[in-house]
Amino acid sequence: MKISARNTLKGTIKTISVGAVNTEVAIEIAPGVEVVSIITKSSAERLDLAEGKEAYAVIKASEVMIAVD
């Protein structure tokens, strides 16, 4: 895989929740640490996602903000 995004987190798909239009995918990148993404149902099907399969969370952003209460 070659990609221009600098932030890729490799992990294992822990859960997939399929909806009518979108699919929620949780990738465990370390024990107890998950990254969750909402993608289209058609993208999830095209990627042939399945629980237990290795995948990458790719983060493309110009900035990350931090907030506190």
C-alpha atoms as a PDB file:
ATOM      1  CA  MET A   1       0.000   0.000   0.000  1.00  0.00           C
ATOM      2  CA  LYS A   2       1.281   3.459  -0.892  1.00  0.00           C
ATOM      3  CA  ILE A   3      -0.561   6.487   0.416  1.00  0.00           C
ATOM      4  CA  SER A   4       0.214  10.170   0.887  1.00  0.00           C
ATOM      5  CA  ALA A   5      -1.334  10.410   4.363  1.00  0.00           C
ATOM      6  CA  ARG A   6       1.306  10.333   7.075  1.00  0.00           C
ATOM      7  CA  ASN A   7      -0.856   8.985   9.854  1.00  0.00           C
ATOM      8  CA  THR A   8      -1.725   5.317   9.417  1.00  0.00           C
ATOM      9  CA  LEU A   9      -2.571   3.095  12.345  1.00  0.00           C
ATOM     10  CA  LYS A  10      -2.462  -0.650  11.720  1.00  0.00           C
ATOM     11  CA  GLY A  11      -4.789  -2.831  13.710  1.00  0.00           C
ATOM     12  CA  THR A  12      -7.401  -5.546  13.715  1.00  0.00           C
ATOM     13  CA  ILE A  13     -11.072  -5.009  12.955  1.00  0.00           C
ATOM     14  CA  LYS A  14     -12.873  -5.603  16.231  1.00  0.00           C
ATOM     15  CA  THR A  15     -16.476  -4.805  15.317  1.00  0.00           C
ATOM     16  CA  ILE A  16     -18.503  -3.934  12.234  1.00  0.00           C
ATOM     17  CA  SER A  17     -22.009  -2.476  12.584  1.00  0.00           C
ATOM     18  CA  VAL A  18     -23.810  -2.342   9.248  1.00  0.00           C
ATOM     19  CA  GLY A  19     -26.613   0.169   8.787  1.00  0.00           C
ATOM     20  CA  ALA A  20     -28.901   0.996   5.877  1.00  0.00           C
ATOM     21  CA  VAL A  21     -26.418   3.469   4.340  1.00  0.00           C
ATOM     22  CA  ASN A  22     -23.312   3.590   6.541  1.00  0.00           C
ATOM     23  CA  THR A  23     -21.128   1.090   8.375  1.00  0.00           C
ATOM     24  CA  GLU A  24     -19.327   1.697  11.684  1.00  0.00           C
ATOM     25  CA  VAL A  25     -15.925   0.007  11.850  1.00  0.00           C
ATOM     26  CA  ALA A  26     -13.873  -0.277  15.054  1.00  0.00           C
ATOM     27  CA  ILE A  27     -10.181  -1.103  14.655  1.00  0.00           C
ATOM     28  CA  GLU A  28      -8.176  -2.134  17.723  1.00  0.00           C
ATOM     29  CA  ILE A  29      -4.719  -0.554  17.298  1.00  0.00           C
ATOM     30  CA  ALA A  30      -3.380  -1.636  20.718  1.00  0.00           C
ATOM     31  CA  PRO A  31      -4.858  -3.683  23.561  1.00  0.00           C
ATOM     32  CA  GLY A  32      -7.896  -1.720  24.733  1.00  0.00           C
ATOM     33  CA  VAL A  33      -7.341   1.130  22.240  1.00  0.00           C
ATOM     34  CA  GLU A  34      -9.790   1.485  19.354  1.00  0.00           C
ATOM     35  CA  VAL A  35     -10.262   3.882  16.459  1.00  0.00           C
ATOM     36  CA  VAL A  36     -13.822   4.031  15.145  1.00  0.00           C
ATOM     37  CA  SER A  37     -14.831   5.246  11.697  1.00  0.00           C
ATOM     38  CA  ILE A  38     -18.111   5.617   9.842  1.00  0.00           C
ATOM     39  CA  ILE A  39     -17.814   4.718   6.153  1.00  0.00           C
ATOM     40  CA  THR A  40     -20.369   4.023   3.459  1.00  0.00           C
ATOM     41  CA  LYS A  41     -21.877   0.568   3.342  1.00  0.00           C
ATOM     42  CA  SER A  42     -20.677   0.184  -0.262  1.00  0.00           C
ATOM     43  CA  SER A  43     -17.078   1.030   0.748  1.00  0.00           C
ATOM     44  CA  ALA A  44     -17.158  -1.576   3.506  1.00  0.00           C
ATOM     45  CA  GLU A  45     -18.399  -4.162   1.011  1.00  0.00           C
ATOM     46  CA  ARG A  46     -15.792  -3.167  -1.599  1.00  0.00           C
ATOM     47  CA  LEU A  47     -13.009  -3.473   0.996  1.00  0.00           C
ATOM     48  CA  ASP A  48     -14.351  -6.893   2.023  1.00  0.00           C
ATOM     49  CA  LEU A  49     -14.103  -5.952   5.703  1.00  0.00           C
ATOM     50  CA  ALA A  50     -14.544  -8.650   8.326  1.00  0.00           C
ATOM     51  CA  GLU A  51     -14.021  -8.891  12.080  1.00  0.00           C
ATOM     52  CA  GLY A  52     -10.536 -10.204  12.852  1.00  0.00           C
ATOM     53  CA  LYS A  53      -9.068  -8.951   9.567  1.00  0.00           C
ATOM     54  CA  GLU A  54      -6.091  -6.570   9.615  1.00  0.00           C
ATOM     55  CA  ALA A  55      -6.793  -3.045   8.415  1.00  0.00           C
ATOM     56  CA  TYR A  56      -5.413   0.477   8.615  1.00  0.00           C
ATOM     57  CA  ALA A  57      -7.028   3.580  10.062  1.00  0.00           C
ATOM     58  CA  VAL A  58      -5.784   6.373   7.800  1.00  0.00           C
ATOM     59  CA  ILE A  59      -5.988   9.867   9.262  1.00  0.00           C
ATOM     60  CA  LYS A  60      -5.743  12.763   6.837  1.00  0.00           C
ATOM     61  CA  ALA A  61      -6.020  16.118   8.548  1.00  0.00           C
ATOM     62  CA  SER A  62      -4.211  19.409   8.483  1.00  0.00           C
ATOM     63  CA  GLU A  63      -4.532  19.791  12.245  1.00  0.00           C
ATOM     64  CA  VAL A  64      -5.608  17.995  15.391  1.00  0.00           C
ATOM     65  CA  MET A  65      -7.296  20.101  18.058  1.00  0.00           C
ATOM     66  CA  ILE A  66      -7.233  19.458  21.806  1.00  0.00           C
ATOM     67  CA  ALA A  67     -10.027  20.590  24.136  1.00  0.00           C
ATOM     68  CA  VAL A  68     -10.768  20.398  27.843  1.00  0.00           C
ATOM     69  CA  ASP A  69     -13.777  21.276  30.016  1.00  0.00           C
END
